Amino acid sequence: YQRRVHGIDNFSQMDKAFFLILSSIVVLHLCMGVSGNSNACQPWIKNNDEETLLALLSVPNITVEFPLQDCLEEIIRRDYQSSGKLILDTYSKPDLEQVTMRAITNVRDTAAKWEQILKFRKSNITKEVQIVPPAFQWAQSLSTVYLNVKYSTKLDSPGYLEVQNETVNFTNQGVFLAADVIYDDHIVRFLLDLELYGEIVVENSTWSHQAVGRAYISLEKKTKERWKSLVRGSSKPRNMYLWWNMQEKFNTEIKQDDDDQTSPLFAYL
């Protein structure tokens, strides 16, 4: 060992190969099951080409214990097919197939996100932006207004799953929502700008991004009362619908408080 360290310039090809394998085996032990770091194997894979990786995986009497899914993701990204097959053939784990599919899905999802980044970059360069109102539903209790926004122009059409630059802002009597998606290599910007019928408590109003291309908004009313409509004025916002399933939960409460017996279900219908 001392001869190799101090005479490193005089390494023969065999010495270099031996030193590389010896060093890698040390790293192998540190990175596979000793450190407990979920990303432990990634530096080890990144620092070796597949030929060296195969040699290390084939060393006898080495027990391979490492975060399998994490390592498979890195191997898939590098397209180390032979190493991946060797691990799958030799690694015994009951949920091996499920772990492998999760690794494949994660890599695929990462690739899809990068595709979206490239598309947005291209669209931002061309400055092609189409503004459209999203389809949305609304319902109310005496204390709260609920909005279910879909990133689509129709409620019965699928919403866009890959959304960028999603923004929601509240004012005392307003809601603003904007979100960008890619369609045919240009940006479609969903824009919702509502002047509400009554005032809300901004600090107690919330929103969240939901699955399948939706956003959920909850607005706390400043005064507990039934709003005659969602917005001020007589014109109905485009693509607005009553949220029937949600509204049915509050009809009894509202009717008990509503002296004129005017049902909120028929606003804007």
Protein backbone atom coordinates (compact mmCIF):
# COMPACT_ATOMS: atom_id res chain seq x y z
CA TYR A 1 0.00 0.00 0.00
CA GLN A 2 2.79 2.45 0.88
CA ARG A 3 4.58 1.62 -2.37
CA ARG A 4 1.46 2.42 -4.34
CA VAL A 5 0.72 5.70 -2.52
CA HIS A 6 4.23 7.14 -2.66
CA GLY A 7 4.97 5.78 -6.11
CA ILE A 8 1.71 6.75 -7.66
CA ASP A 9 3.39 8.16 -10.78
CA ASN A 10 4.91 4.76 -11.48
CA PHE A 11 1.65 2.82 -11.39
CA SER A 12 1.39 0.03 -13.88
CA GLN A 13 -1.96 -0.55 -15.53
CA MET A 14 -2.55 -3.49 -13.19
CA ASP A 15 -1.64 -1.35 -10.16
CA LYS A 16 -4.09 1.34 -11.25
CA ALA A 17 -6.86 -1.18 -11.78
CA PHE A 18 -6.17 -2.76 -8.38
CA PHE A 19 -6.12 0.61 -6.64
CA LEU A 20 -9.36 1.69 -8.35
CA ILE A 21 -11.17 -1.50 -7.36
CA LEU A 22 -9.80 -1.34 -3.80
CA SER A 23 -10.89 2.29 -3.42
CA SER A 24 -14.28 1.58 -4.91
CA ILE A 25 -14.85 -1.38 -2.58
CA VAL A 26 -14.22 0.95 0.37
CA VAL A 27 -16.73 3.41 -1.06
CA LEU A 28 -19.08 0.50 -1.71
CA HIS A 29 -19.03 -0.46 1.97
CA LEU A 30 -19.51 3.13 3.07
CA CYS A 31 -22.32 3.84 0.66
CA MET A 32 -24.25 0.60 0.78
CA GLY A 33 -25.87 0.07 4.12
CA VAL A 34 -23.32 1.67 6.47
CA SER A 35 -24.13 5.37 6.31
CA GLY A 36 -27.91 4.93 6.23
CA ASN A 37 -28.21 7.87 3.82
CA SER A 38 -31.05 7.36 1.32
CA ASN A 39 -28.89 8.96 -1.38
CA ALA A 40 -25.76 7.04 -0.39
CA CYS A 41 -25.36 4.99 -3.55
CA GLN A 42 -25.79 7.85 -6.00
CA PRO A 43 -22.27 9.36 -5.63
CA TRP A 44 -20.85 5.85 -5.90
CA ILE A 45 -22.71 5.23 -9.17
CA LYS A 46 -21.92 8.69 -10.56
CA ASN A 47 -18.21 8.29 -9.92
CA ASN A 48 -17.87 5.08 -11.91
CA ASP A 49 -18.54 4.07 -15.47
CA GLU A 50 -20.67 0.98 -16.03
CA GLU A 51 -17.69 -1.32 -16.61
CA THR A 52 -16.28 -0.51 -13.18
CA LEU A 53 -19.74 -0.68 -11.64
CA LEU A 54 -20.26 -4.18 -13.03
CA ALA A 55 -16.89 -5.26 -11.67
CA LEU A 56 -17.77 -3.99 -8.21
CA LEU A 57 -21.19 -5.60 -8.22
CA SER A 58 -19.58 -8.88 -9.24
CA VAL A 59 -17.03 -8.94 -6.39
CA PRO A 60 -17.62 -12.20 -4.44
CA ASN A 61 -18.52 -12.18 -0.76
CA ILE A 62 -19.88 -8.63 -0.95
CA THR A 63 -23.34 -8.28 0.58
CA VAL A 64 -25.17 -5.57 -1.32
CA GLU A 65 -27.36 -3.58 1.05
CA PHE A 66 -28.42 -0.15 -0.18
CA PRO A 67 -31.51 2.00 -0.85
CA LEU A 68 -32.64 0.07 -3.92
CA GLN A 69 -35.16 2.52 -5.39
CA ASP A 70 -32.76 5.45 -5.13
CA CYS A 71 -29.96 3.51 -6.80
CA LEU A 72 -32.20 2.15 -9.54
CA GLU A 73 -33.33 5.69 -10.38
CA GLU A 74 -29.71 6.74 -10.89
CA ILE A 75 -28.93 3.63 -12.94
CA ILE A 76 -32.00 4.25 -15.14
CA ARG A 77 -31.02 7.90 -15.69
CA ARG A 78 -27.55 6.75 -16.81
CA ASP A 79 -29.00 3.90 -18.87
CA TYR A 80 -26.74 1.36 -17.14
CA GLN A 81 -28.79 -1.58 -18.38
CA SER A 82 -26.31 -4.34 -17.58
CA SER A 83 -25.82 -3.09 -14.02
CA GLY A 84 -29.54 -2.78 -13.54
CA LYS A 85 -30.16 -6.33 -14.75
CA LEU A 86 -27.43 -7.64 -12.46
CA ILE A 87 -28.96 -5.92 -9.43
CA LEU A 88 -32.46 -7.16 -10.31
CA ASP A 89 -31.17 -10.72 -10.80
CA THR A 90 -29.21 -10.87 -7.55
CA TYR A 91 -31.08 -8.62 -5.14
CA SER A 92 -33.73 -10.44 -3.13
CA LYS A 93 -36.61 -8.33 -1.90
CA PRO A 94 -40.33 -9.21 -1.79
CA ASP A 95 -41.49 -5.94 -3.37
CA LEU A 96 -38.69 -5.76 -5.94
CA GLU A 97 -41.08 -5.26 -8.87
CA GLN A 98 -42.99 -2.48 -7.12
CA VAL A 99 -39.77 -0.70 -6.10
CA THR A 100 -38.47 -0.90 -9.68
CA MET A 101 -41.72 0.50 -11.11
CA ARG A 102 -41.60 3.40 -8.63
CA ALA A 103 -38.06 4.16 -9.74
CA ILE A 104 -39.12 4.09 -13.41
CA THR A 105 -42.13 6.33 -12.67
CA ASN A 106 -40.01 8.88 -10.81
CA VAL A 107 -37.52 9.09 -13.66
CA ARG A 108 -40.37 9.40 -16.18
CA ASP A 109 -42.00 12.17 -14.11
CA THR A 110 -38.72 14.03 -13.91
CA ALA A 111 -38.30 13.81 -17.68
CA ALA A 112 -41.87 15.09 -18.20
CA LYS A 113 -41.19 18.09 -15.97
CA TRP A 114 -38.08 18.93 -17.99
CA GLU A 115 -40.11 18.70 -21.18
CA GLN A 116 -42.53 21.24 -19.73
CA ILE A 117 -39.63 23.53 -18.79
CA LEU A 118 -38.37 23.43 -22.37
CA LYS A 119 -41.84 24.07 -23.76
CA PHE A 120 -42.35 27.05 -21.46
CA ARG A 121 -38.95 28.41 -22.43
CA LYS A 122 -39.87 28.19 -26.11
CA SER A 123 -43.27 29.76 -25.51
CA ASN A 124 -41.80 32.56 -23.40
CA ILE A 125 -39.40 33.35 -26.23
CA THR A 126 -42.20 33.54 -28.81
CA LYS A 127 -44.46 35.43 -26.36
CA GLU A 128 -47.53 33.57 -27.58
CA VAL A 129 -50.02 33.77 -24.71
CA GLN A 130 -53.72 32.98 -24.98
CA ILE A 131 -55.94 34.22 -22.13
CA VAL A 132 -58.96 32.05 -21.26
CA PRO A 133 -61.33 31.88 -18.27
CA PRO A 134 -61.24 28.59 -16.37
CA ALA A 135 -64.38 26.60 -15.69
CA PHE A 136 -65.33 26.82 -12.02
CA GLN A 137 -68.08 25.98 -9.56
CA TRP A 138 -69.15 27.85 -6.47
CA ALA A 139 -71.20 27.20 -3.36
CA GLN A 140 -71.81 29.02 -0.09
CA SER A 141 -72.70 28.56 3.53
CA LEU A 142 -73.63 31.49 5.74
CA SER A 143 -69.98 31.93 6.70
CA THR A 144 -67.95 30.70 3.72
CA VAL A 145 -67.81 30.75 -0.09
CA TYR A 146 -66.24 27.75 -1.84
CA LEU A 147 -64.73 27.75 -5.34
CA ASN A 148 -63.72 24.66 -7.27
CA VAL A 149 -61.61 25.84 -10.22
CA LYS A 150 -60.73 23.52 -13.08
CA TYR A 151 -57.87 24.27 -15.47
CA SER A 152 -60.05 23.70 -18.48
CA THR A 153 -62.70 25.70 -20.33
CA LYS A 154 -65.34 23.00 -19.67
CA LEU A 155 -66.28 21.18 -16.50
CA ASP A 156 -66.71 17.90 -18.36
CA SER A 157 -63.26 18.08 -20.00
CA PRO A 158 -60.03 16.89 -18.35
CA GLY A 159 -58.04 19.56 -16.56
CA TYR A 160 -54.41 20.31 -17.41
CA LEU A 161 -52.15 18.41 -15.03
CA GLU A 162 -48.89 20.30 -15.65
CA VAL A 163 -49.51 23.83 -14.37
CA GLN A 164 -46.90 26.56 -14.06
CA ASN A 165 -46.87 30.02 -12.42
CA GLU A 166 -50.00 29.28 -10.38
CA THR A 167 -51.01 32.40 -8.43
CA VAL A 168 -54.00 33.17 -6.20
CA ASN A 169 -54.52 36.52 -4.45
CA PHE A 170 -57.32 37.83 -2.23
CA THR A 171 -58.52 41.37 -1.53
CA ASN A 172 -61.33 42.51 0.77
CA GLN A 173 -63.81 42.02 -2.05
CA GLY A 174 -61.95 40.19 -4.79
CA VAL A 175 -60.30 36.96 -5.93
CA PHE A 176 -57.58 36.74 -8.57
CA LEU A 177 -56.28 33.46 -9.99
CA ALA A 178 -53.80 32.88 -12.80
CA ALA A 179 -52.05 29.75 -14.05
CA ASP A 180 -50.16 28.81 -17.22
CA VAL A 181 -50.25 25.60 -19.23
CA ILE A 182 -48.80 24.58 -22.59
CA TYR A 183 -51.08 23.84 -25.55
CA ASP A 184 -49.73 23.37 -29.10
CA ASP A 185 -46.40 25.02 -28.23
CA HIS A 186 -47.93 28.22 -26.87
CA ILE A 187 -48.93 29.34 -23.40
CA VAL A 188 -52.56 29.22 -22.34
CA ARG A 189 -53.12 31.42 -19.30
CA PHE A 190 -56.18 30.64 -17.23
CA LEU A 191 -57.32 33.90 -15.66
CA LEU A 192 -60.07 34.41 -13.08
CA ASP A 193 -60.64 37.92 -11.69
CA LEU A 194 -63.79 38.24 -9.59
CA GLU A 195 -65.30 41.23 -7.82
CA LEU A 196 -67.24 39.51 -5.06
CA TYR A 197 -70.78 40.27 -3.92
CA GLY A 198 -69.66 40.86 -0.32
CA GLU A 199 -66.50 41.39 1.68
CA ILE A 200 -64.25 38.58 2.89
CA VAL A 201 -61.68 38.13 5.65
CA VAL A 202 -58.47 37.92 3.63
CA GLU A 203 -56.27 36.43 6.35
CA ASN A 204 -58.72 33.57 6.94
CA SER A 205 -59.26 32.76 3.25
CA THR A 206 -57.19 29.96 1.74
CA TRP A 207 -56.46 28.09 -1.48
CA SER A 208 -54.69 24.88 -2.47
CA HIS A 209 -53.69 23.10 -5.66
CA GLN A 210 -55.63 19.87 -6.11
CA ALA A 211 -55.09 16.71 -8.16
CA VAL A 212 -56.35 16.33 -11.75
CA GLY A 213 -55.79 19.96 -12.69
CA ARG A 214 -57.86 21.83 -10.12
CA ALA A 215 -57.57 24.55 -7.48
CA TYR A 216 -59.72 24.77 -4.36
CA ILE A 217 -60.52 28.15 -2.77
CA SER A 218 -62.22 28.86 0.55
CA LEU A 219 -63.32 32.43 1.31
CA GLU A 220 -64.45 33.46 4.79
CA LYS A 221 -67.27 36.01 4.65
CA LYS A 222 -66.84 39.13 6.75
CA THR A 223 -70.53 38.99 7.67
CA LYS A 224 -72.49 35.77 8.10
CA GLU A 225 -75.25 36.04 5.51
CA ARG A 226 -76.49 34.59 2.27
CA TRP A 227 -75.03 36.27 -0.80
CA LYS A 228 -77.58 36.77 -3.56
CA SER A 229 -74.85 35.98 -6.07
CA LEU A 230 -71.12 35.32 -6.18
CA VAL A 231 -70.16 38.60 -7.82
CA ARG A 232 -71.37 42.16 -8.01
CA GLY A 233 -73.45 43.26 -10.97
CA SER A 234 -75.85 41.41 -13.19
CA SER A 235 -73.44 39.83 -15.66
CA LYS A 236 -72.46 36.24 -15.13
CA PRO A 237 -68.73 35.35 -15.41
CA ARG A 238 -67.95 32.96 -18.22
CA ASN A 239 -67.68 29.25 -17.38
CA MET A 240 -69.25 29.70 -13.94
CA TYR A 241 -71.53 26.97 -12.54
CA LEU A 242 -73.21 26.21 -9.25
CA TRP A 243 -71.48 23.55 -7.20
CA TRP A 244 -74.61 21.51 -6.56
CA ASN A 245 -73.12 18.73 -4.43
CA MET A 246 -71.45 21.20 -2.11
CA GLN A 247 -74.42 23.58 -1.98
CA GLU A 248 -76.79 20.85 -0.88
CA LYS A 249 -74.82 20.54 2.36
CA PHE A 250 -75.74 24.12 3.33
CA ASN A 251 -79.26 24.60 1.97
CA THR A 252 -81.01 23.88 5.26
CA GLU A 253 -78.77 26.31 7.14
CA ILE A 254 -79.31 29.03 4.54
CA LYS A 255 -83.10 28.57 4.28
CA GLN A 256 -83.48 28.86 8.03
CA ASP A 257 -81.71 32.20 7.92
CA ASP A 258 -83.36 33.41 4.73
CA ASP A 259 -86.58 35.26 5.57
CA ASP A 260 -87.54 35.88 1.95
CA GLN A 261 -87.18 32.14 1.08
CA THR A 262 -85.19 33.00 -2.07
CA SER A 263 -83.09 29.97 -2.83
CA PRO A 264 -79.41 30.56 -3.69
CA LEU A 265 -79.65 27.60 -6.04
CA PHE A 266 -81.24 29.74 -8.75
CA ALA A 267 -78.78 32.61 -8.82
CA TYR A 268 -77.55 33.11 -12.38
CA LEU A 269 -79.67 30.23 -13.73
